[in-house]
Amino acid sequence: DHYRVQTDFIQRYVFPGGMLPSEQRLQQETAAAGLIWTGIDRFGQNYADTLAEWGHRFEAAWDEIKGQGFDERFRRLWRFYLSYCEAGFRTERTNVIQLGLSRA
């Protein structure tokens, strides 16, 4: 609930109105909907690698991006976003999950 009521960098600049529910919240909501978890895969570390690669590609393509009219402020914002997210996934403060669900 803290994440829902507090606006962070990503909610303000990247995904306005976005929300990342916790696993605990997902468990509560799926149970309330009459669903049970039949499996879970966590792959945040893989996503951290993806974010790092996106950062490298962003920098490698910067001249082309800049040529489209984007400025240094935009560059700093995206560098920060990609690094911020990568750190969150590497330290397991954030995760990506895939759930298997069935009716209870």
C-alpha atoms as a PDB file:
ATOM      1  CA  ASP A   1       0.000   0.000   0.000  1.00  0.00           C
ATOM      2  CA  HIS A   2       2.941   2.347   0.627  1.00  0.00           C
ATOM      3  CA  TYR A   3       3.908   2.163  -3.049  1.00  0.00           C
ATOM      4  CA  ARG A   4       0.322   2.929  -4.051  1.00  0.00           C
ATOM      5  CA  VAL A   5       0.130   6.195  -2.078  1.00  0.00           C
ATOM      6  CA  GLN A   6       3.711   7.411  -2.556  1.00  0.00           C
ATOM      7  CA  THR A   7       4.823   8.698  -5.959  1.00  0.00           C
ATOM      8  CA  ASP A   8       8.348   7.616  -6.889  1.00  0.00           C
ATOM      9  CA  PHE A   9      10.558   8.512  -9.841  1.00  0.00           C
ATOM     10  CA  ILE A  10       9.114   5.859 -12.138  1.00  0.00           C
ATOM     11  CA  GLN A  11       5.506   6.738 -11.333  1.00  0.00           C
ATOM     12  CA  ARG A  12       6.219  10.417 -11.924  1.00  0.00           C
ATOM     13  CA  TYR A  13       8.366  10.339 -15.064  1.00  0.00           C
ATOM     14  CA  VAL A  14       8.044   6.964 -16.780  1.00  0.00           C
ATOM     15  CA  PHE A  15       4.780   5.180 -15.947  1.00  0.00           C
ATOM     16  CA  PRO A  16       2.283   7.682 -14.494  1.00  0.00           C
ATOM     17  CA  GLY A  17      -0.424   5.733 -12.730  1.00  0.00           C
ATOM     18  CA  GLY A  18       1.688   2.561 -12.773  1.00  0.00           C
ATOM     19  CA  MET A  19       1.670   0.121  -9.883  1.00  0.00           C
ATOM     20  CA  LEU A  20       3.863  -2.820  -8.902  1.00  0.00           C
ATOM     21  CA  PRO A  21       1.939  -4.960  -6.430  1.00  0.00           C
ATOM     22  CA  SER A  22       3.884  -7.047  -3.934  1.00  0.00           C
ATOM     23  CA  GLU A  23       3.672 -10.837  -3.966  1.00  0.00           C
ATOM     24  CA  GLN A  24       1.761 -10.595  -0.690  1.00  0.00           C
ATOM     25  CA  ARG A  25      -0.788  -8.281  -2.295  1.00  0.00           C
ATOM     26  CA  LEU A  26      -1.075 -10.579  -5.319  1.00  0.00           C
ATOM     27  CA  GLN A  27      -1.714 -13.517  -2.981  1.00  0.00           C
ATOM     28  CA  GLN A  28      -4.457 -11.588  -1.195  1.00  0.00           C
ATOM     29  CA  GLU A  29      -6.142 -10.470  -4.401  1.00  0.00           C
ATOM     30  CA  THR A  30      -5.962 -13.831  -6.146  1.00  0.00           C
ATOM     31  CA  ALA A  31      -7.317 -15.602  -3.042  1.00  0.00           C
ATOM     32  CA  ALA A  32     -10.157 -13.071  -2.865  1.00  0.00           C
ATOM     33  CA  ALA A  33     -10.921 -13.897  -6.506  1.00  0.00           C
ATOM     34  CA  GLY A  34     -11.083 -17.623  -5.691  1.00  0.00           C
ATOM     35  CA  LEU A  35      -7.754 -18.508  -7.293  1.00  0.00           C
ATOM     36  CA  ILE A  36      -4.818 -20.537  -6.005  1.00  0.00           C
ATOM     37  CA  TRP A  37      -1.204 -20.357  -7.098  1.00  0.00           C
ATOM     38  CA  THR A  38      -0.118 -23.522  -8.869  1.00  0.00           C
ATOM     39  CA  GLY A  39       3.367 -22.320  -9.723  1.00  0.00           C
ATOM     40  CA  ILE A  40       5.620 -19.312  -9.663  1.00  0.00           C
ATOM     41  CA  ASP A  41       8.741 -18.369 -11.597  1.00  0.00           C
ATOM     42  CA  ARG A  42      10.837 -15.420 -10.442  1.00  0.00           C
ATOM     43  CA  PHE A  43      13.205 -13.952 -12.998  1.00  0.00           C
ATOM     44  CA  GLY A  44      14.188 -10.494 -11.803  1.00  0.00           C
ATOM     45  CA  GLN A  45      17.894 -11.236 -12.236  1.00  0.00           C
ATOM     46  CA  ASN A  46      17.290 -11.935 -15.913  1.00  0.00           C
ATOM     47  CA  TYR A  47      15.410  -8.656 -16.213  1.00  0.00           C
ATOM     48  CA  ALA A  48      18.351  -6.842 -14.577  1.00  0.00           C
ATOM     49  CA  ASP A  49      20.540  -8.211 -17.383  1.00  0.00           C
ATOM     50  CA  THR A  50      17.973  -7.003 -19.930  1.00  0.00           C
ATOM     51  CA  LEU A  51      17.984  -3.505 -18.433  1.00  0.00           C
ATOM     52  CA  ALA A  52      21.793  -3.409 -18.531  1.00  0.00           C
ATOM     53  CA  GLU A  53      21.714  -4.376 -22.206  1.00  0.00           C
ATOM     54  CA  TRP A  54      19.116  -1.705 -22.947  1.00  0.00           C
ATOM     55  CA  GLY A  55      21.405   0.827 -21.259  1.00  0.00           C
ATOM     56  CA  HIS A  56      24.346  -0.190 -23.454  1.00  0.00           C
ATOM     57  CA  ARG A  57      22.217  -0.024 -26.588  1.00  0.00           C
ATOM     58  CA  PHE A  58      20.772   3.340 -25.585  1.00  0.00           C
ATOM     59  CA  GLU A  59      24.260   4.801 -25.203  1.00  0.00           C
ATOM     60  CA  ALA A  60      25.467   3.218 -28.444  1.00  0.00           C
ATOM     61  CA  ALA A  61      22.505   4.754 -30.282  1.00  0.00           C
ATOM     62  CA  TRP A  62      22.665   8.148 -28.564  1.00  0.00           C
ATOM     63  CA  ASP A  63      23.799  10.098 -31.639  1.00  0.00           C
ATOM     64  CA  GLU A  64      20.833   8.757 -33.597  1.00  0.00           C
ATOM     65  CA  ILE A  65      18.453   9.443 -30.698  1.00  0.00           C
ATOM     66  CA  LYS A  66      19.842  12.959 -30.272  1.00  0.00           C
ATOM     67  CA  GLY A  67      19.356  13.518 -33.997  1.00  0.00           C
ATOM     68  CA  GLN A  68      15.637  12.922 -33.467  1.00  0.00           C
ATOM     69  CA  GLY A  69      15.502  15.985 -31.221  1.00  0.00           C
ATOM     70  CA  PHE A  70      16.054  14.507 -27.769  1.00  0.00           C
ATOM     71  CA  ASP A  71      18.224  16.497 -25.359  1.00  0.00           C
ATOM     72  CA  GLU A  72      20.653  15.736 -22.529  1.00  0.00           C
ATOM     73  CA  ARG A  73      17.861  15.961 -19.959  1.00  0.00           C
ATOM     74  CA  PHE A  74      16.076  13.107 -21.749  1.00  0.00           C
ATOM     75  CA  ARG A  75      19.344  11.158 -21.840  1.00  0.00           C
ATOM     76  CA  ARG A  76      19.945  11.598 -18.108  1.00  0.00           C
ATOM     77  CA  LEU A  77      16.360  10.637 -17.313  1.00  0.00           C
ATOM     78  CA  TRP A  78      16.605   7.349 -19.245  1.00  0.00           C
ATOM     79  CA  ARG A  79      20.086   6.530 -17.969  1.00  0.00           C
ATOM     80  CA  PHE A  80      18.824   7.036 -14.435  1.00  0.00           C
ATOM     81  CA  TYR A  81      15.658   5.012 -15.076  1.00  0.00           C
ATOM     82  CA  LEU A  82      17.526   2.047 -16.553  1.00  0.00           C
ATOM     83  CA  SER A  83      20.193   2.084 -13.806  1.00  0.00           C
ATOM     84  CA  TYR A  84      17.622   2.574 -11.028  1.00  0.00           C
ATOM     85  CA  CYS A  85      15.565  -0.370 -12.254  1.00  0.00           C
ATOM     86  CA  GLU A  86      18.586  -2.582 -12.838  1.00  0.00           C
ATOM     87  CA  ALA A  87      19.715  -1.971  -9.252  1.00  0.00           C
ATOM     88  CA  GLY A  88      16.238  -2.758  -7.936  1.00  0.00           C
ATOM     89  CA  PHE A  89      16.161  -6.098  -9.725  1.00  0.00           C
ATOM     90  CA  ARG A  90      19.786  -7.023  -8.891  1.00  0.00           C
ATOM     91  CA  THR A  91      19.200  -6.392  -5.189  1.00  0.00           C
ATOM     92  CA  GLU A  92      15.838  -8.204  -5.337  1.00  0.00           C
ATOM     93  CA  ARG A  93      13.907  -5.166  -4.102  1.00  0.00           C
ATOM     94  CA  THR A  94      11.835  -5.614  -7.259  1.00  0.00           C
ATOM     95  CA  ASN A  95      11.098  -8.797  -9.134  1.00  0.00           C
ATOM     96  CA  VAL A  96       9.365 -10.161 -12.190  1.00  0.00           C
ATOM     97  CA  ILE A  97       7.148 -13.157 -11.664  1.00  0.00           C
ATOM     98  CA  GLN A  98       5.010 -15.443 -13.748  1.00  0.00           C
ATOM     99  CA  LEU A  99       2.175 -17.182 -11.942  1.00  0.00           C
ATOM    100  CA  GLY A 100       0.244 -20.321 -12.658  1.00  0.00           C
ATOM    101  CA  LEU A 101      -3.294 -19.927 -11.326  1.00  0.00           C
ATOM    102  CA  SER A 102      -6.321 -22.174 -11.048  1.00  0.00           C
ATOM    103  CA  ARG A 103      -9.743 -21.932  -9.494  1.00  0.00           C
ATOM    104  CA  ALA A 104      -9.805 -22.908  -5.844  1.00  0.00           C
END
